[in-house]
Amino acid sequence: MEFSLEITAVHVVRVDVPAHTPAFNWRTGLPGSEPAMTGAWLVIETDDGITGLSFCNRGAILEDLVDRRLRAELVGKDALAREFLWHRVWELNRIERFPAWLLGVVDVALWDLAGKQTGLPIYKLLGGFRESIPAYASTVTYGSIEEYLDVADQCLELGYSAIKLHAWGDARADARLSTALREHVGDDVPLMYDGSAGFDLLDATYLGHALSDSGYLWYEEPMPEFNITAYKRLAERVSVPLIVAEIAEGSHMNTADFIASGCAAAVRTSTGLRGGFTGAMRTAHLADSFLLRAEVHGGGLTAEHLCMAISNTTYYESLVTSNPVRREAAVDAQGNVKAPTAPGVGWETQWTETGTPQQLLKLAI
């Protein structure tokens, strides 16, 4: 029996991505929603006729890197040798200094191939831990405390069991909002706060005390993640749990330094910023060895698979971008997300919505 899939072609299919509506911010002055742009599918073909797919929002950058570096590296290799190829892309990173998401785009397409070959969804290939998980409502930045409280009421009515704030990036205003939200929803609703790297150590400490007093479940990325010592100092000053290592480059290797510093009450993992499914699971297992949670960053299909596969994660992050609030399609009326069922990642609906596979591949040739 043959246990290999030779990669025969690697395509980049650029597609137009409309602007997100309504537009939103992560905090005052920090754009959150994307303008209209050119995204791209990475399409990896094999000699067995199985095709692996992955998507990113940076089509021109992906096309350049595939044309200059990645196609020559991938064609002729075994698509099932994901560990080998994961390490090879890291080797090329030494030369190119790839954007953090690039490794994940390649790895996700390779896992998609493996899922399709076996007929299994990715989370089953990763081991499978659960079939359902609760979602929390992850807000964007709204205009006033009153609007946030109204949005919170809507989220709870729609079935969400927990709420995470993206606020204004003003430590004192955000402290008032955090306190008001706790008083509004009561003690039984889990609340989280995400600073989107908006503070220095002094302001992060001030806000951290307010979050501690209000019993927030976690305090996420309050400062830029370039300086782990600053996070160590923050953890010494506040009692609210810090969830760290969301966007810092270096996959599990960087996360290990956050953990070793003692600042991590939990860590973040994702396919987009931790090197695909391979890097995300490395991070989750690393955290598990220290009895830490590895909470999945962001939503979408790849996040759904990770949430079902990782034992030490507790929530699916569901972005709430509007008022009135619209519940994400993946979240049911009870506020839960069910496991994906399609083989591989399950990209096919989105892939064919932009044209037939034959039409799309012609664009790439």
Protein backbone atom coordinates (compact mmCIF):
# COMPACT_ATOMS: atom_id res chain seq x y z
CA MET A 1 0.00 0.00 0.00
CA GLU A 2 1.28 3.46 -0.93
CA PHE A 3 1.51 5.90 1.96
CA SER A 4 2.48 9.07 0.15
CA LEU A 5 0.88 11.81 -1.92
CA GLU A 6 3.31 13.52 -4.26
CA ILE A 7 2.74 17.24 -4.65
CA THR A 8 2.46 17.93 -8.39
CA ALA A 9 1.44 21.60 -8.48
CA VAL A 10 1.06 24.60 -6.18
CA HIS A 11 -1.24 27.44 -7.26
CA VAL A 12 -2.22 30.78 -5.81
CA VAL A 13 -5.72 31.86 -6.85
CA ARG A 14 -6.29 35.52 -6.06
CA VAL A 15 -9.85 36.59 -5.30
CA ASP A 16 -11.47 39.91 -4.42
CA VAL A 17 -12.53 40.22 -0.79
CA PRO A 18 -15.10 42.96 -0.12
CA ALA A 19 -14.75 45.38 2.77
CA HIS A 20 -16.21 44.20 6.06
CA THR A 21 -19.48 45.94 6.86
CA PRO A 22 -20.07 47.51 9.22
CA ALA A 23 -16.50 48.72 9.74
CA PHE A 24 -15.19 48.41 13.29
CA ASN A 25 -12.16 49.06 15.52
CA TRP A 26 -10.37 46.88 18.07
CA ARG A 27 -9.77 50.01 20.18
CA THR A 28 -9.77 53.74 19.51
CA GLY A 29 -7.39 54.42 16.64
CA LEU A 30 -6.68 50.75 15.84
CA PRO A 31 -8.59 49.47 12.78
CA GLY A 32 -10.21 46.08 13.19
CA SER A 33 -12.21 45.43 10.05
CA GLU A 34 -10.44 45.02 6.74
CA PRO A 35 -10.97 47.28 3.72
CA ALA A 36 -11.66 45.76 0.32
CA MET A 37 -8.59 43.73 -0.62
CA THR A 38 -7.21 40.88 -2.67
CA GLY A 39 -7.19 37.57 -0.83
CA ALA A 40 -5.93 34.25 -2.15
CA TRP A 41 -6.43 30.52 -2.03
CA LEU A 42 -3.37 28.33 -1.74
CA VAL A 43 -4.11 25.21 -3.80
CA ILE A 44 -1.85 22.17 -3.50
CA GLU A 45 -2.46 19.38 -6.04
CA THR A 46 -1.23 15.79 -5.76
CA ASP A 47 -0.68 12.83 -8.04
CA ASP A 48 -3.68 11.07 -6.49
CA GLY A 49 -6.05 13.82 -7.63
CA ILE A 50 -6.59 15.14 -4.08
CA THR A 51 -6.36 18.91 -3.65
CA GLY A 52 -5.55 20.76 -0.43
CA LEU A 53 -6.87 24.26 0.18
CA SER A 54 -6.04 27.15 2.47
CA PHE A 55 -6.97 30.84 2.43
CA CYS A 56 -5.39 34.13 3.45
CA ASN A 57 -6.29 37.80 3.13
CA ARG A 58 -2.89 38.85 1.76
CA GLY A 59 -3.06 37.55 -1.78
CA ALA A 60 -0.24 39.53 -3.36
CA ILE A 61 2.20 38.66 -0.57
CA LEU A 62 1.28 34.97 -0.70
CA GLU A 63 1.67 34.87 -4.49
CA ASP A 64 5.12 36.45 -4.31
CA LEU A 65 6.37 34.05 -1.64
CA VAL A 66 4.97 31.00 -3.41
CA ASP A 67 6.51 32.05 -6.73
CA ARG A 68 9.91 32.88 -5.27
CA ARG A 69 10.33 30.27 -2.52
CA LEU A 70 7.58 27.84 -1.72
CA ARG A 71 6.53 26.23 -4.99
CA ALA A 72 10.04 24.92 -5.68
CA GLU A 73 10.24 23.62 -2.12
CA LEU A 74 6.88 21.83 -2.20
CA VAL A 75 6.54 20.32 -5.68
CA GLY A 76 7.78 16.75 -5.74
CA LYS A 77 7.58 16.34 -1.97
CA ASP A 78 5.25 14.01 -0.07
CA ALA A 79 2.20 16.01 1.04
CA LEU A 80 1.76 13.65 4.00
CA ALA A 81 5.22 14.55 5.34
CA ARG A 82 3.78 17.49 7.23
CA GLU A 83 6.43 17.48 9.97
CA PHE A 84 9.24 17.56 7.44
CA LEU A 85 7.62 20.34 5.41
CA TRP A 86 6.77 22.33 8.54
CA HIS A 87 10.45 22.32 9.48
CA ARG A 88 11.51 23.13 5.92
CA VAL A 89 9.37 26.26 5.86
CA TRP A 90 10.95 27.30 9.17
CA GLU A 91 14.35 26.86 7.51
CA LEU A 92 13.28 29.15 4.67
CA ASN A 93 12.04 31.64 7.24
CA ARG A 94 15.68 32.16 8.19
CA ILE A 95 16.17 33.72 4.75
CA GLU A 96 12.82 35.36 4.06
CA ARG A 97 11.54 36.38 7.51
CA PHE A 98 8.07 35.23 6.51
CA PRO A 99 5.00 36.98 7.94
CA ALA A 100 3.71 35.02 10.92
CA TRP A 101 0.65 33.73 9.07
CA LEU A 102 2.54 32.26 6.09
CA LEU A 103 3.61 29.00 7.76
CA GLY A 104 0.01 28.40 8.80
CA VAL A 105 -1.33 28.81 5.28
CA VAL A 106 0.94 26.04 3.97
CA ASP A 107 0.35 23.72 6.92
CA VAL A 108 -3.44 24.06 6.81
CA ALA A 109 -3.50 23.09 3.11
CA LEU A 110 -1.40 19.99 3.87
CA TRP A 111 -3.73 18.96 6.70
CA ASP A 112 -6.68 19.55 4.38
CA LEU A 113 -5.12 17.06 1.97
CA ALA A 114 -4.65 14.49 4.71
CA GLY A 115 -8.23 14.86 5.87
CA LYS A 116 -9.57 14.37 2.38
CA GLN A 117 -7.40 11.30 1.82
CA THR A 118 -8.71 9.67 4.99
CA GLY A 119 -12.25 11.01 4.69
CA LEU A 120 -12.00 12.55 8.18
CA PRO A 121 -12.41 16.10 9.49
CA ILE A 122 -9.16 17.56 10.79
CA TYR A 123 -10.15 17.51 14.46
CA LYS A 124 -10.54 13.73 14.24
CA LEU A 125 -7.08 13.39 12.71
CA LEU A 126 -5.74 15.51 15.57
CA GLY A 127 -7.19 13.06 18.07
CA GLY A 128 -10.62 14.51 18.77
CA PHE A 129 -11.54 15.55 22.31
CA ARG A 130 -15.11 16.89 22.09
CA GLU A 131 -18.01 17.34 19.69
CA SER A 132 -19.30 20.68 21.00
CA ILE A 133 -17.96 23.73 22.85
CA PRO A 134 -19.50 26.93 24.26
CA ALA A 135 -18.83 30.19 22.45
CA TYR A 136 -18.14 33.54 24.02
CA ALA A 137 -19.15 36.83 22.40
CA SER A 138 -16.01 38.79 21.53
CA THR A 139 -17.06 42.41 21.07
CA VAL A 140 -15.57 45.04 18.84
CA THR A 141 -15.24 48.61 20.12
CA TYR A 142 -18.52 50.42 20.72
CA GLY A 143 -19.22 54.06 21.49
CA SER A 144 -20.34 54.20 25.12
CA ILE A 145 -20.82 52.19 28.30
CA GLU A 146 -24.56 52.20 27.63
CA GLU A 147 -24.09 50.67 24.20
CA TYR A 148 -21.78 47.98 25.58
CA LEU A 149 -24.37 47.05 28.20
CA ASP A 150 -27.06 46.85 25.52
CA VAL A 151 -24.81 44.66 23.35
CA ALA A 152 -24.09 42.42 26.34
CA ASP A 153 -27.82 41.95 26.96
CA GLN A 154 -28.33 40.98 23.32
CA CYS A 155 -25.44 38.52 23.42
CA LEU A 156 -26.81 36.76 26.49
CA GLU A 157 -30.29 36.62 24.95
CA LEU A 158 -28.78 35.02 21.82
CA GLY A 159 -27.31 32.21 23.92
CA TYR A 160 -23.71 33.31 24.45
CA SER A 161 -22.58 32.24 27.89
CA ALA A 162 -19.59 34.61 28.28
CA ILE A 163 -18.46 38.00 26.98
CA LYS A 164 -15.05 39.45 26.10
CA LEU A 165 -14.50 43.19 25.77
CA HIS A 166 -12.45 44.99 23.17
CA ALA A 167 -12.73 48.50 24.62
CA TRP A 168 -11.20 51.93 23.93
CA GLY A 169 -7.58 51.56 24.97
CA ASP A 170 -7.94 54.19 27.71
CA ALA A 171 -7.08 52.51 31.01
CA ARG A 172 -9.38 54.57 33.18
CA ALA A 173 -12.33 54.56 30.80
CA ASP A 174 -11.89 50.83 30.21
CA ALA A 175 -11.78 50.26 33.98
CA ARG A 176 -15.10 52.08 34.38
CA LEU A 177 -16.60 50.01 31.53
CA SER A 178 -15.30 46.74 32.97
CA THR A 179 -16.76 47.51 36.38
CA ALA A 180 -20.09 48.62 34.91
CA LEU A 181 -20.39 45.46 32.83
CA ARG A 182 -19.75 43.22 35.85
CA GLU A 183 -22.37 45.07 37.87
CA HIS A 184 -24.81 44.83 34.95
CA VAL A 185 -24.55 41.09 34.21
CA GLY A 186 -23.93 39.87 37.76
CA ASP A 187 -21.31 37.53 39.15
CA ASP A 188 -22.25 34.37 37.26
CA VAL A 189 -21.40 35.47 33.70
CA PRO A 190 -17.72 34.89 32.79
CA LEU A 191 -16.14 38.10 31.52
CA MET A 192 -12.82 38.64 29.76
CA TYR A 193 -10.93 41.73 28.60
CA ASP A 194 -8.65 42.12 25.55
CA GLY A 195 -6.32 45.13 25.46
CA SER A 196 -5.09 44.64 21.86
CA ALA A 197 -1.58 45.67 22.99
CA GLY A 198 -2.78 49.16 23.87
CA PHE A 199 -1.01 49.93 27.17
CA ASP A 200 2.34 50.42 28.80
CA LEU A 201 3.11 48.72 32.12
CA LEU A 202 1.74 51.54 34.29
CA ASP A 203 -1.68 51.72 32.59
CA ALA A 204 -1.86 47.93 32.23
CA THR A 205 -1.38 47.65 35.97
CA TYR A 206 -4.09 50.22 36.74
CA LEU A 207 -6.62 48.42 34.54
CA GLY A 208 -5.51 45.03 35.81
CA HIS A 209 -6.48 45.98 39.36
CA ALA A 210 -9.98 46.94 38.19
CA LEU A 211 -10.35 43.65 36.33
CA SER A 212 -9.17 41.77 39.41
CA ASP A 213 -11.71 43.54 41.59
CA SER A 214 -14.49 42.63 39.14
CA GLY A 215 -13.50 38.96 38.89
CA TYR A 216 -12.60 38.84 35.20
CA LEU A 217 -11.67 35.41 33.91
CA TRP A 218 -8.67 36.65 31.95
CA TYR A 219 -6.74 39.75 30.89
CA GLU A 220 -5.53 39.38 27.31
CA GLU A 221 -2.65 41.10 25.50
CA PRO A 222 -2.73 44.38 27.46
CA MET A 223 0.78 45.31 26.25
CA PRO A 224 2.85 44.64 23.12
CA GLU A 225 4.26 41.13 23.37
CA PHE A 226 7.81 42.03 22.40
CA ASN A 227 8.99 42.24 26.01
CA ILE A 228 8.31 39.20 28.16
CA THR A 229 9.91 40.84 31.20
CA ALA A 230 7.18 43.52 31.14
CA TYR A 231 4.58 40.75 31.30
CA LYS A 232 6.44 39.16 34.19
CA ARG A 233 6.33 42.47 36.04
CA LEU A 234 2.61 42.87 35.30
CA ALA A 235 1.87 39.37 36.62
CA GLU A 236 3.66 40.30 39.85
CA ARG A 237 1.47 43.39 40.27
CA VAL A 238 -2.06 42.19 39.43
CA SER A 239 -4.07 39.13 40.39
CA VAL A 240 -6.29 38.87 37.30
CA PRO A 241 -5.07 35.90 35.18
CA LEU A 242 -2.99 36.90 32.14
CA ILE A 243 -3.52 35.10 28.85
CA VAL A 244 -0.43 35.67 26.71
CA ALA A 245 1.55 34.76 23.58
CA GLU A 246 -1.17 35.57 21.07
CA ILE A 247 0.72 37.36 18.31
CA ALA A 248 4.38 37.08 19.26
CA GLU A 249 6.29 35.22 16.53
CA GLY A 250 8.04 31.92 17.09
CA SER A 251 5.15 29.49 17.56
CA HIS A 252 5.58 27.18 20.57
CA MET A 253 9.20 28.30 21.03
CA ASN A 254 8.17 31.83 21.93
CA THR A 255 5.25 30.59 24.03
CA ALA A 256 7.71 28.51 26.06
CA ASP A 257 9.55 31.67 27.14
CA PHE A 258 6.30 33.31 28.28
CA ILE A 259 5.53 30.23 30.35
CA ALA A 260 9.05 30.00 31.77
CA SER A 261 8.84 33.63 32.92
CA GLY A 262 5.91 32.78 35.18
CA CYS A 263 3.54 35.37 33.69
CA ALA A 264 1.22 32.98 31.85
CA ALA A 265 -2.01 31.92 33.52
CA ALA A 266 -3.04 30.68 30.07
CA VAL A 267 -1.75 31.00 26.50
CA ARG A 268 -3.22 31.60 23.09
CA THR A 269 -2.98 29.28 20.11
CA SER A 270 -4.25 29.43 16.53
CA THR A 271 -3.51 28.18 13.03
CA GLY A 272 -2.89 31.70 11.74
CA LEU A 273 -0.25 32.83 14.24
CA ARG A 274 1.22 29.57 15.54
CA GLY A 275 2.08 27.83 12.29
CA GLY A 276 -1.05 26.00 11.19
CA PHE A 277 -2.50 22.96 12.90
CA THR A 278 0.99 21.58 13.52
CA GLY A 279 2.20 24.64 15.43
CA ALA A 280 -1.12 25.19 17.20
CA MET A 281 -1.11 21.67 18.61
CA ARG A 282 2.53 21.99 19.68
CA THR A 283 1.54 25.08 21.63
CA ALA A 284 -1.49 23.39 23.19
CA HIS A 285 0.53 20.37 24.30
CA LEU A 286 3.28 22.59 25.67
CA ALA A 287 0.72 24.48 27.76
CA ASP A 288 -0.91 21.25 28.90
CA SER A 289 2.40 19.99 30.27
CA PHE A 290 2.32 22.99 32.67
CA LEU A 291 -1.40 22.50 33.44
CA LEU A 292 -2.20 25.70 31.56
CA ARG A 293 -5.07 26.31 29.19
CA ALA A 294 -4.43 26.97 25.52
CA GLU A 295 -7.38 29.07 24.41
CA VAL A 296 -7.98 29.26 20.66
CA HIS A 297 -7.65 32.74 19.17
CA GLY A 298 -10.23 33.82 16.62
CA GLY A 299 -13.06 32.02 14.89
CA GLY A 300 -13.73 30.25 11.62
CA LEU A 301 -13.33 26.70 10.38
CA THR A 302 -9.75 26.10 11.48
CA ALA A 303 -10.57 27.41 14.97
CA GLU A 304 -13.57 25.06 15.13
CA HIS A 305 -11.29 22.09 14.47
CA LEU A 306 -8.77 23.22 17.09
CA CYS A 307 -11.49 23.74 19.69
CA MET A 308 -12.70 20.18 19.16
CA ALA A 309 -9.20 18.69 19.27
CA ILE A 310 -7.54 20.53 22.18
CA SER A 311 -8.39 19.21 25.62
CA ASN A 312 -7.12 22.27 27.50
CA THR A 313 -9.30 24.86 25.76
CA THR A 314 -12.67 26.00 27.09
CA TYR A 315 -14.31 28.37 24.58
CA TYR A 316 -14.77 29.22 20.92
CA GLU A 317 -14.23 32.93 20.16
CA SER A 318 -17.21 34.34 18.25
CA LEU A 319 -16.74 37.89 17.00
CA VAL A 320 -19.67 40.28 17.49
CA THR A 321 -19.27 43.21 15.08
CA SER A 322 -22.66 44.93 14.92
CA ASN A 323 -25.44 46.48 16.91
CA PRO A 324 -28.06 45.01 16.66
CA VAL A 325 -26.01 41.88 17.35
CA ARG A 326 -25.96 39.08 14.79
CA ARG A 327 -25.01 35.66 16.13
CA GLU A 328 -22.32 33.91 14.12
CA ALA A 329 -23.75 31.14 11.92
CA ALA A 330 -21.55 28.51 13.56
CA VAL A 331 -23.06 29.26 16.99
CA ASP A 332 -26.41 27.65 17.81
CA ALA A 333 -29.27 29.06 19.89
CA GLN A 334 -27.77 27.53 23.05
CA GLY A 335 -24.50 29.34 22.42
CA ASN A 336 -22.55 26.24 21.37
CA VAL A 337 -20.45 25.36 18.34
CA LYS A 338 -20.68 21.83 16.95
CA ALA A 339 -17.80 19.89 15.41
CA PRO A 340 -17.26 20.20 11.63
CA THR A 341 -18.27 17.12 9.66
CA ALA A 342 -16.73 17.54 6.19
CA PRO A 343 -13.46 15.76 5.32
CA GLY A 344 -10.41 17.95 5.73
CA VAL A 345 -10.99 21.53 6.82
CA GLY A 346 -14.27 21.90 4.95
CA TRP A 347 -13.33 24.81 2.69
CA GLU A 348 -15.26 23.53 -0.34
CA THR A 349 -18.33 25.73 0.05
CA GLN A 350 -16.26 28.91 0.23
CA TRP A 351 -13.97 27.69 -2.56
CA THR A 352 -16.78 27.00 -5.01
CA GLU A 353 -18.63 30.21 -4.10
CA THR A 354 -15.87 32.12 -5.91
CA GLY A 355 -16.23 29.98 -9.07
CA THR A 356 -15.95 26.36 -10.14
CA PRO A 357 -12.64 24.67 -9.30
CA GLN A 358 -11.81 24.48 -13.00
CA GLN A 359 -12.46 28.18 -13.54
CA LEU A 360 -10.48 29.14 -10.47
CA LEU A 361 -7.45 27.08 -11.35
CA LYS A 362 -7.35 28.59 -14.82
CA LEU A 363 -6.84 31.94 -13.08
CA ALA A 364 -3.70 30.59 -11.45
CA ILE A 365 -2.05 29.07 -14.51
